Every structure is written in C-alpha cells, then in structure tokens.
Amino acid sequence: MKIHSLRDMSQEELKQKRHELMEELFNLNMRRSLKELDNPLRLRTIHRDIARIETIFSEDKLGVRKIVDSPVSILDRPDDKGKKVKTEKEGE
C-alpha cells in the first residue's frame, strides 16, 4: 500500500486498516509456525504497511502533518508555554 493512499484515509479508517493488518499478520505467523506459507514475502509487506500507518499517527501526534479528520491542526497546537503558535500571516 502506498503512503499517499494511506494519508487520504481518516483516523478511524487508519485504525481499522491497522487492526486488519495486525490480524492478518497474526494468522500468517501462526501458519508460518506450521510451515504452510504460500507467500512468505507477504509478512514483510504487512510489517511495512503497519509501520507506515504508525508513522502517520506519529506525524499527527508531533504536529508534522495532520490526519484528514484530526480535530487539531498543526497551526492550532500550543507551543511549550501554552500559547498559540502564530503563523507567518498572523505575525505580519
């Protein structure tokens, strides 16, 4: 899955997708223990997709990039002193 398609998803959709991937990863790991994997590279792609989703959540939390339906935008986050951060347009 490409990162730009994940960035277009809402927060709830990302959580649902992460849950589905975690379930699929669990099932593949169980089948791997029984030596019954048809496509062992699928494990790698699932790990990477989960990491991409976690990166999007991390970026939103740190204020780097906003998730589509996140209630707080990057510019509305307070700085360390609790004051609203001014944009360039507001500062002029």
Protein backbone atom coordinates (compact mmCIF):
# COMPACT_ATOMS: atom_id res chain seq x y z
CA MET A 1 0.00 0.00 0.00
CA LYS A 2 1.32 3.43 -0.94
CA ILE A 3 1.76 6.15 1.68
CA HIS A 4 -0.28 8.72 -0.27
CA SER A 5 -3.31 6.43 -0.27
CA LEU A 6 -2.95 5.98 3.50
CA ARG A 7 -2.67 9.75 4.03
CA ASP A 8 -6.05 10.20 2.33
CA MET A 9 -7.75 7.97 4.93
CA SER A 10 -9.42 9.27 8.07
CA GLN A 11 -8.18 8.40 11.53
CA GLU A 12 -10.87 5.76 12.02
CA GLU A 13 -10.10 4.18 8.66
CA LEU A 14 -6.41 4.03 9.57
CA LYS A 15 -7.19 2.38 12.89
CA GLN A 16 -9.41 -0.16 11.14
CA LYS A 17 -6.76 -0.87 8.50
CA ARG A 18 -4.09 -1.31 11.19
CA HIS A 19 -6.36 -3.75 13.05
CA GLU A 20 -6.97 -5.78 9.89
CA LEU A 21 -3.25 -5.91 9.12
CA MET A 22 -2.44 -7.00 12.68
CA GLU A 23 -4.96 -9.83 12.41
CA GLU A 24 -3.55 -10.91 9.07
CA LEU A 25 -0.03 -10.77 10.47
CA PHE A 26 -1.06 -12.94 13.42
CA ASN A 27 -2.65 -15.51 11.11
CA LEU A 28 0.39 -15.59 8.84
CA ASN A 29 2.72 -16.05 11.80
CA MET A 30 0.61 -18.97 13.00
CA ARG A 31 0.71 -20.56 9.55
CA ARG A 32 4.45 -19.89 9.34
CA SER A 33 4.97 -21.88 12.53
CA LEU A 34 3.26 -24.80 10.76
CA LYS A 35 5.39 -24.26 7.62
CA GLU A 36 2.37 -23.59 5.42
CA LEU A 37 3.08 -20.17 3.91
CA ASP A 38 2.38 -19.74 0.22
CA ASN A 39 3.91 -16.27 0.02
CA PRO A 40 6.43 -15.59 2.83
CA LEU A 41 7.13 -12.10 1.46
CA ARG A 42 3.62 -11.09 2.48
CA LEU A 43 4.91 -10.89 6.06
CA ARG A 44 7.35 -8.17 5.03
CA THR A 45 4.73 -6.12 3.22
CA ILE A 46 2.35 -6.31 6.18
CA HIS A 47 5.09 -5.19 8.58
CA ARG A 48 5.87 -2.25 6.31
CA ASP A 49 2.22 -1.24 5.93
CA ILE A 50 1.76 -1.27 9.71
CA ALA A 51 4.90 0.85 10.07
CA ARG A 52 3.55 3.34 7.51
CA ILE A 53 0.30 3.68 9.46
CA GLU A 54 2.20 4.12 12.73
CA THR A 55 4.32 6.80 11.05
CA ILE A 56 1.19 8.70 10.04
CA PHE A 57 -0.10 8.57 13.63
CA SER A 58 3.28 9.71 14.91
CA GLU A 59 3.43 12.61 12.47
CA ASP A 60 -0.03 13.74 13.57
CA LYS A 61 0.92 13.49 17.24
CA LEU A 62 4.12 15.50 16.72
CA GLY A 63 2.38 18.07 14.57
CA VAL A 64 4.37 17.35 11.42
CA ARG A 65 1.36 16.51 9.27
CA LYS A 66 -2.34 16.48 10.08
CA ILE A 67 -4.56 13.41 9.56
CA VAL A 68 -7.58 14.17 7.38
CA ASP A 69 -10.19 14.32 10.18
CA SER A 70 -7.92 15.15 13.12
CA PRO A 71 -9.65 17.80 15.26
CA VAL A 72 -6.47 19.83 15.89
CA SER A 73 -4.40 21.18 13.05
CA ILE A 74 -0.67 21.80 13.12
CA LEU A 75 -1.16 25.55 13.47
CA ASP A 76 -3.63 25.22 16.36
CA ARG A 77 -1.24 23.27 18.58
CA PRO A 78 0.12 25.29 21.52
CA ASP A 79 3.84 25.84 21.90
CA ASP A 80 5.78 24.85 25.06
CA LYS A 81 4.41 27.82 27.07
CA GLY A 82 0.78 27.08 26.28
CA LYS A 83 0.42 29.98 23.84
CA LYS A 84 -0.98 29.54 20.37
CA VAL A 85 1.74 29.39 17.74
CA LYS A 86 1.48 32.29 15.28
CA THR A 87 1.61 31.71 11.56
CA GLU A 88 3.61 33.95 9.24
CA LYS A 89 0.41 35.60 8.06
CA GLU A 90 -0.69 36.44 11.63
CA GLY A 91 2.75 37.77 12.57
CA GLU A 92 2.79 40.43 9.82
